[in-house]
Amino acid sequence: MAKKILYFDMNNVLVDFQSGIDRLSEETKREYEGRLDEVPDIFSLMEPMPYAVESVIFLAEYFDVYILSTAPWKNPSAWTDKANWVHKYFGIEKDTVFHKRLIITHRKDLNRGDFLIDDRTKNGAGEFAGELIQFGSELFPDWKTVTEYLVH
């Protein structure tokens, strides 16, 4: 029996976006105010959300897992930084959980799957044909609640 497909968004789901902002200089924050996702290399500065890495590795035993993320159109370094982030925290080798499983898109609803864990409904997440698990919501505030819901 085939495993169900589970997608993970990156920003504020796997990746703590604020941790990257916290590493910026005050000058850079002022220069890019209102569009911090356009700061070159900001995505390389970010840390994982608490328990995100452990939860993904656990869930990969039960699901066919992929990252389904959007990258800012005006920040081409974000595309590379996101791939490098995945390599740093999940590995780059063939036997790693996300080897060749990073999808960058502005239309998440065009991907087939059973579950999408995302913190927002933008970029097609709200129209995803499977079940949207809204990370950070009252029902799914953290990785513990998400993992329990998906496995039990």
Protein backbone atom coordinates (compact mmCIF):
# COMPACT_ATOMS: atom_id res chain seq x y z
CA MET A 1 0.00 0.00 0.00
CA ALA A 2 1.39 3.39 -1.01
CA LYS A 3 2.05 5.97 1.67
CA LYS A 4 -0.09 9.10 1.67
CA ILE A 5 1.61 12.26 0.39
CA LEU A 6 2.46 14.91 2.99
CA TYR A 7 3.77 18.35 2.04
CA PHE A 8 5.53 20.79 4.37
CA ASP A 9 5.73 24.54 3.87
CA MET A 10 9.02 26.08 4.97
CA ASN A 11 8.54 29.60 6.39
CA ASN A 12 7.09 29.50 9.90
CA VAL A 13 6.42 25.76 9.60
CA LEU A 14 9.83 24.11 9.20
CA VAL A 15 11.83 27.33 9.32
CA ASP A 16 11.72 30.04 11.99
CA PHE A 17 11.58 33.13 9.77
CA GLN A 18 12.01 35.45 12.76
CA SER A 19 15.38 33.84 13.55
CA GLY A 20 16.69 35.19 10.23
CA ILE A 21 15.29 38.65 10.86
CA ASP A 22 16.93 38.69 14.29
CA ARG A 23 20.34 38.26 12.63
CA LEU A 24 19.94 41.28 10.34
CA SER A 25 21.51 44.64 11.08
CA GLU A 26 19.20 47.49 12.03
CA GLU A 27 20.26 49.23 8.83
CA THR A 28 19.19 46.26 6.69
CA LYS A 29 15.89 46.00 8.57
CA ARG A 30 15.16 49.68 7.82
CA GLU A 31 16.21 49.37 4.16
CA TYR A 32 13.94 46.36 3.56
CA GLU A 33 11.10 47.32 5.90
CA GLY A 34 7.85 45.69 4.78
CA ARG A 35 9.69 43.32 2.45
CA LEU A 36 12.21 41.49 4.63
CA ASP A 37 11.84 38.34 2.53
CA GLU A 38 13.70 40.24 -0.21
CA VAL A 39 16.90 40.64 1.85
CA PRO A 40 19.62 38.76 -0.05
CA ASP A 41 20.65 35.56 1.76
CA ILE A 42 18.11 36.00 4.60
CA PHE A 43 16.94 32.41 4.20
CA SER A 44 20.46 31.13 4.90
CA LEU A 45 20.30 32.78 8.34
CA MET A 46 17.24 30.93 9.62
CA GLU A 47 16.97 28.17 12.22
CA PRO A 48 14.42 25.34 12.30
CA MET A 49 11.17 25.72 14.22
CA PRO A 50 11.23 23.86 17.55
CA TYR A 51 10.89 20.08 16.97
CA ALA A 52 10.41 20.51 13.21
CA VAL A 53 13.38 18.36 12.19
CA GLU A 54 12.54 15.54 14.61
CA SER A 55 8.87 15.61 13.60
CA VAL A 56 9.64 15.43 9.88
CA ILE A 57 11.99 12.48 10.34
CA PHE A 58 9.33 10.69 12.40
CA LEU A 59 6.51 11.46 9.93
CA ALA A 60 8.63 10.25 7.00
CA GLU A 61 8.20 6.74 8.39
CA TYR A 62 4.45 7.01 7.76
CA PHE A 63 4.16 9.37 4.78
CA ASP A 64 5.72 10.14 1.40
CA VAL A 65 7.12 13.57 2.33
CA TYR A 66 7.97 16.66 0.27
CA ILE A 67 8.65 20.32 0.91
CA LEU A 68 6.24 22.62 -0.93
CA SER A 69 7.44 26.17 -0.53
CA THR A 70 7.18 29.57 -2.14
CA ALA A 71 10.22 31.78 -2.67
CA PRO A 72 10.04 35.55 -3.09
CA TRP A 73 10.02 36.44 -6.78
CA LYS A 74 12.29 39.45 -6.23
CA ASN A 75 14.89 37.52 -4.21
CA PRO A 76 16.58 34.90 -6.42
CA SER A 77 19.03 33.96 -3.65
CA ALA A 78 16.04 32.63 -1.67
CA TRP A 79 15.68 29.70 -4.08
CA THR A 80 19.27 28.58 -3.48
CA ASP A 81 19.16 29.44 0.23
CA LYS A 82 16.08 27.24 0.71
CA ALA A 83 17.81 24.26 -0.94
CA ASN A 84 20.94 24.87 1.15
CA TRP A 85 18.80 25.08 4.30
CA VAL A 86 17.28 21.67 3.53
CA HIS A 87 20.78 20.25 2.92
CA LYS A 88 22.04 21.71 6.21
CA TYR A 89 19.24 20.38 8.43
CA PHE A 90 18.17 17.20 6.60
CA GLY A 91 21.26 16.23 4.61
CA ILE A 92 22.11 16.14 0.93
CA GLU A 93 22.77 12.44 0.34
CA LYS A 94 20.48 10.13 -1.61
CA ASP A 95 19.15 8.36 1.48
CA THR A 96 18.07 11.57 3.28
CA VAL A 97 14.43 12.40 3.88
CA PHE A 98 14.12 15.31 1.42
CA HIS A 99 16.61 14.22 -1.27
CA LYS A 100 15.23 15.78 -4.48
CA ARG A 101 11.94 16.49 -2.68
CA LEU A 102 11.94 20.30 -2.59
CA ILE A 103 9.26 21.93 -4.75
CA ILE A 104 9.29 25.71 -5.17
CA THR A 105 5.97 27.03 -6.43
CA HIS A 106 3.61 29.98 -6.23
CA ARG A 107 0.60 27.66 -6.80
CA LYS A 108 0.51 24.99 -4.10
CA ASP A 109 -2.95 23.94 -5.20
CA LEU A 110 -1.52 22.47 -8.42
CA ASN A 111 0.23 19.70 -6.47
CA ARG A 112 -1.56 16.45 -5.70
CA GLY A 113 -1.39 15.09 -2.20
CA ASP A 114 -3.21 14.14 0.93
CA PHE A 115 -1.97 16.73 3.45
CA LEU A 116 -0.31 20.15 3.35
CA ILE A 117 1.09 21.68 6.54
CA ASP A 118 1.21 25.44 6.02
CA ASP A 119 0.82 28.48 8.26
CA ARG A 120 -1.17 30.46 5.68
CA THR A 121 -3.75 29.98 2.95
CA LYS A 122 -1.85 32.08 0.38
CA ASN A 123 -0.23 30.85 -2.85
CA GLY A 124 -2.88 28.20 -3.37
CA ALA A 125 -2.57 26.58 0.07
CA GLY A 126 -6.21 27.42 0.84
CA GLU A 127 -7.31 25.73 -2.40
CA PHE A 128 -5.16 22.62 -1.91
CA ALA A 129 -7.30 19.58 -2.80
CA GLY A 130 -6.07 17.52 0.15
CA GLU A 131 -6.35 18.53 3.79
CA LEU A 132 -4.71 21.78 4.87
CA ILE A 133 -3.26 21.58 8.37
CA GLN A 134 -2.78 25.18 9.40
CA PHE A 135 0.37 25.27 11.52
CA GLY A 136 0.31 27.79 14.35
CA SER A 137 -3.50 27.81 14.49
CA GLU A 138 -5.51 27.11 17.63
CA LEU A 139 -6.05 23.50 16.52
CA PHE A 140 -2.41 22.95 15.45
CA PRO A 141 -0.23 25.32 17.50
CA ASP A 142 2.98 23.27 17.38
CA TRP A 143 4.71 20.18 16.03
CA LYS A 144 3.47 17.94 18.82
CA THR A 145 -0.19 18.51 17.95
CA VAL A 146 0.44 18.15 14.21
CA THR A 147 2.38 14.91 14.63
CA GLU A 148 -0.20 13.40 16.97
CA TYR A 149 -3.02 14.30 14.59
CA LEU A 150 -1.32 12.75 11.56
CA VAL A 151 -0.17 9.52 13.18
CA HIS A 152 -2.98 8.71 15.62
